[in-house]
Amino acid sequence: NDSDSFTVQEPELQVAKSNNLGTPRFGETVTYTLDVSHTLASTATAHDIVISDVLPAGMSYVSGSADLPVGWSVLQSGQTLTFSGPSLATASTASITYDATLSETPAVSAIGDTLTNTATITWTSLSGTNANERSGAGGVNDYSDVDTTDVVIQGIELEISKDDQVATAIPGDTIIYQIDYVNNGNATANSVDI
């Protein structure tokens, strides 16, 4: 009997998510970066790459800010950005950046809140649609990876109170007022005027 052997060639990608401003204030803009690369185990070109990037409530995508590799595209649907690329050759990398602004009105988020941004990447082993190929559908179709990055909202939140320290007074009494103020935020307040 004759025998032969073969080696299965498979692509294996990973995505790394990061930001340039870990402690934004209300109204500030954060630049997010998505770095896509092959793992050491990857032995083939990855095709039909899709990154689903979900912005947390309170963050808004800055339209037109995405800087994409050649041939890639981006679509926005609510808080979800979908980046699509045709392929990534073995040992190649791809980098995407875009901007998102923290809402100026803290209706959803508050000072000190952690906002998590999640990116999920899927890909296939063959170009185009093929019912027999692996994808990121789950199970043995494990062509997927996930990464997250956090920002913590930073801000100043001053509170002031005033007390005359007496319940009643008569003409001629001296009343001493006490004014107390406190910063309930997580950022230093400078040059405070009362």
Protein backbone atom coordinates (compact mmCIF):
# COMPACT_ATOMS: atom_id res chain seq x y z
CA ASN A 1 0.00 0.00 0.00
CA ASP A 2 1.17 3.49 -0.83
CA SER A 3 0.76 6.30 1.66
CA ASP A 4 1.15 10.02 1.49
CA SER A 5 0.88 12.93 3.89
CA PHE A 6 -0.16 16.52 3.58
CA THR A 7 -0.14 19.64 5.75
CA VAL A 8 -3.30 21.70 6.14
CA GLN A 9 -2.62 25.38 5.49
CA GLU A 10 -4.79 27.67 7.58
CA PRO A 11 -4.87 31.41 8.29
CA GLU A 12 -4.97 32.51 11.92
CA LEU A 13 -5.45 36.22 12.64
CA GLN A 14 -5.46 38.30 15.79
CA VAL A 15 -6.75 41.79 16.47
CA ALA A 16 -5.34 44.23 19.02
CA LYS A 17 -7.48 47.18 20.11
CA SER A 18 -6.00 50.33 21.72
CA ASN A 19 -6.69 54.02 22.28
CA ASN A 20 -4.62 57.18 22.65
CA LEU A 21 -6.52 58.73 25.57
CA GLY A 22 -7.40 56.48 28.48
CA THR A 23 -9.02 59.22 30.58
CA PRO A 24 -11.07 61.49 28.30
CA ARG A 25 -13.27 64.32 29.54
CA PHE A 26 -16.75 65.10 28.24
CA GLY A 27 -16.49 66.46 24.71
CA GLU A 28 -12.97 65.14 24.07
CA THR A 29 -12.09 62.92 21.11
CA VAL A 30 -10.38 59.54 21.42
CA THR A 31 -8.43 57.92 18.60
CA TYR A 32 -8.92 54.16 18.46
CA THR A 33 -6.50 51.81 16.70
CA LEU A 34 -7.12 48.29 15.37
CA ASP A 35 -4.01 46.28 14.54
CA VAL A 36 -4.55 43.06 12.60
CA SER A 37 -1.80 40.49 12.19
CA HIS A 38 -1.17 36.80 11.61
CA THR A 39 -0.29 34.63 14.60
CA LEU A 40 2.84 32.48 14.56
CA ALA A 41 0.63 29.47 13.78
CA SER A 42 -0.81 31.06 10.64
CA THR A 43 0.30 29.46 7.36
CA ALA A 44 -2.03 30.90 4.73
CA THR A 45 -3.64 34.08 3.43
CA ALA A 46 -6.80 35.17 5.26
CA HIS A 47 -9.76 36.23 3.11
CA ASP A 48 -13.05 38.11 3.52
CA ILE A 49 -11.93 39.85 6.72
CA VAL A 50 -14.64 41.56 8.77
CA ILE A 51 -14.13 43.53 11.99
CA SER A 52 -17.21 44.42 14.02
CA ASP A 53 -16.30 47.28 16.35
CA VAL A 54 -18.96 48.28 18.90
CA LEU A 55 -18.65 51.71 20.47
CA PRO A 56 -20.00 52.03 24.03
CA ALA A 57 -22.98 54.26 24.76
CA GLY A 58 -21.79 57.82 25.23
CA MET A 59 -19.20 57.60 22.44
CA SER A 60 -19.93 58.79 18.89
CA TYR A 61 -17.99 57.94 15.74
CA VAL A 62 -16.50 60.96 13.98
CA SER A 63 -17.77 60.53 10.44
CA GLY A 64 -15.02 60.28 7.85
CA SER A 65 -12.24 59.89 10.42
CA ALA A 66 -11.37 56.26 9.59
CA ASP A 67 -7.91 55.73 8.11
CA LEU A 68 -8.07 52.39 6.29
CA PRO A 69 -5.66 50.11 4.43
CA VAL A 70 -6.00 50.11 0.64
CA GLY A 71 -9.05 48.12 -0.44
CA TRP A 72 -10.79 48.23 2.95
CA SER A 73 -14.15 49.86 3.69
CA VAL A 74 -16.16 50.96 6.72
CA LEU A 75 -19.92 51.03 7.35
CA GLN A 76 -21.66 52.53 10.38
CA SER A 77 -24.91 51.26 11.85
CA GLY A 78 -25.74 52.91 15.17
CA GLN A 79 -22.89 52.19 17.58
CA THR A 80 -21.40 49.45 15.39
CA LEU A 81 -18.64 50.06 12.87
CA THR A 82 -17.98 47.28 10.36
CA PHE A 83 -14.59 47.25 8.67
CA SER A 84 -14.15 44.91 5.69
CA GLY A 85 -10.98 43.87 3.89
CA PRO A 86 -10.49 41.48 0.97
CA SER A 87 -7.44 39.57 2.23
CA LEU A 88 -4.28 39.64 4.32
CA ALA A 89 -1.25 37.68 3.15
CA THR A 90 0.81 35.59 5.55
CA ALA A 91 3.14 37.69 7.70
CA SER A 92 1.36 40.89 6.61
CA THR A 93 -0.32 43.35 8.95
CA ALA A 94 -3.10 45.91 8.67
CA SER A 95 -3.82 48.94 10.84
CA ILE A 96 -7.02 50.97 11.15
CA THR A 97 -7.54 54.17 13.11
CA TYR A 98 -10.66 56.24 13.71
CA ASP A 99 -11.93 58.91 16.08
CA ALA A 100 -14.84 58.84 18.53
CA THR A 101 -16.05 61.69 20.72
CA LEU A 102 -17.28 61.41 24.29
CA SER A 103 -20.66 63.11 24.67
CA GLU A 104 -20.55 66.58 26.21
CA THR A 105 -23.72 65.89 28.17
CA PRO A 106 -23.37 63.09 30.77
CA ALA A 107 -26.86 61.73 30.19
CA VAL A 108 -25.60 58.16 29.68
CA SER A 109 -22.20 58.15 31.32
CA ALA A 110 -20.83 59.67 34.51
CA ILE A 111 -17.42 60.72 35.77
CA GLY A 112 -15.44 57.64 36.74
CA ASP A 113 -17.40 55.29 34.48
CA THR A 114 -15.42 52.78 32.44
CA LEU A 115 -16.43 52.61 28.78
CA THR A 116 -15.40 49.40 27.04
CA ASN A 117 -14.92 49.23 23.28
CA THR A 118 -15.04 45.70 21.80
CA ALA A 119 -13.71 44.60 18.42
CA THR A 120 -14.40 41.16 16.91
CA ILE A 121 -12.61 39.95 13.80
CA THR A 122 -13.68 37.07 11.53
CA TRP A 123 -12.16 35.75 8.32
CA THR A 124 -12.29 32.82 5.92
CA SER A 125 -9.73 30.48 4.38
CA LEU A 126 -10.89 30.90 0.77
CA SER A 127 -11.86 33.95 -1.21
CA GLY A 128 -15.58 34.39 -1.80
CA THR A 129 -18.43 32.20 -0.62
CA ASN A 130 -17.73 28.51 -0.09
CA ALA A 131 -20.05 26.37 2.02
CA ASN A 132 -17.23 24.02 2.99
CA GLU A 133 -14.74 26.57 4.27
CA ARG A 134 -14.19 27.64 7.85
CA SER A 135 -15.43 31.00 9.00
CA GLY A 136 -16.03 32.69 12.34
CA ALA A 137 -19.41 31.05 12.89
CA GLY A 138 -18.30 29.13 16.00
CA GLY A 139 -17.53 25.52 16.84
CA VAL A 140 -14.97 24.17 14.42
CA ASN A 141 -15.53 27.34 12.40
CA ASP A 142 -13.24 29.13 14.81
CA TYR A 143 -11.84 31.83 12.56
CA SER A 144 -12.45 34.68 14.99
CA ASP A 145 -10.70 36.79 17.63
CA VAL A 146 -11.81 39.47 20.09
CA ASP A 147 -10.07 42.31 21.90
CA THR A 148 -11.23 45.24 24.03
CA THR A 149 -9.92 48.58 25.23
CA ASP A 150 -11.23 50.79 28.04
CA VAL A 151 -11.42 54.49 28.76
CA VAL A 152 -12.32 55.96 32.15
CA ILE A 153 -14.27 59.23 32.08
CA GLN A 154 -12.37 61.99 33.82
CA GLY A 155 -13.85 65.26 35.01
CA ILE A 156 -14.38 67.90 37.65
CA GLU A 157 -17.58 67.86 39.72
CA LEU A 158 -17.68 70.66 42.28
CA GLU A 159 -20.25 70.82 45.07
CA ILE A 160 -20.71 73.83 47.36
CA SER A 161 -22.73 74.37 50.54
CA LYS A 162 -23.32 77.41 52.76
CA ASP A 163 -24.41 77.43 56.40
CA ASP A 164 -25.01 80.32 58.83
CA GLN A 165 -24.73 77.86 61.75
CA VAL A 166 -27.65 79.43 63.66
CA ALA A 167 -31.36 78.75 63.74
CA THR A 168 -32.42 82.25 64.82
CA ALA A 169 -30.85 85.69 65.15
CA ILE A 170 -31.81 89.07 66.55
CA PRO A 171 -30.75 92.52 65.42
CA GLY A 172 -27.15 93.19 66.35
CA ASP A 173 -26.06 89.54 66.30
CA THR A 174 -22.96 88.67 64.32
CA ILE A 175 -23.57 85.84 61.93
CA ILE A 176 -20.66 83.80 60.66
CA TYR A 177 -21.23 81.99 57.43
CA GLN A 178 -19.34 78.82 56.59
CA ILE A 179 -18.83 77.87 52.96
CA ASP A 180 -17.69 74.34 52.15
CA TYR A 181 -16.83 73.01 48.75
CA VAL A 182 -15.63 69.64 47.53
CA ASN A 183 -14.53 68.15 44.22
CA ASN A 184 -16.43 64.89 43.74
CA GLY A 185 -14.72 64.29 40.40
CA ASN A 186 -11.50 62.48 39.57
CA ALA A 187 -9.63 65.44 38.03
CA THR A 188 -7.96 68.36 39.78
CA ALA A 189 -9.85 71.66 39.72
CA ASN A 190 -7.51 74.66 39.38
CA SER A 191 -8.17 78.39 39.88
CA VAL A 192 -11.52 77.84 41.59
CA ASP A 193 -13.45 81.07 42.25
CA ILE A 194 -16.28 81.23 44.76
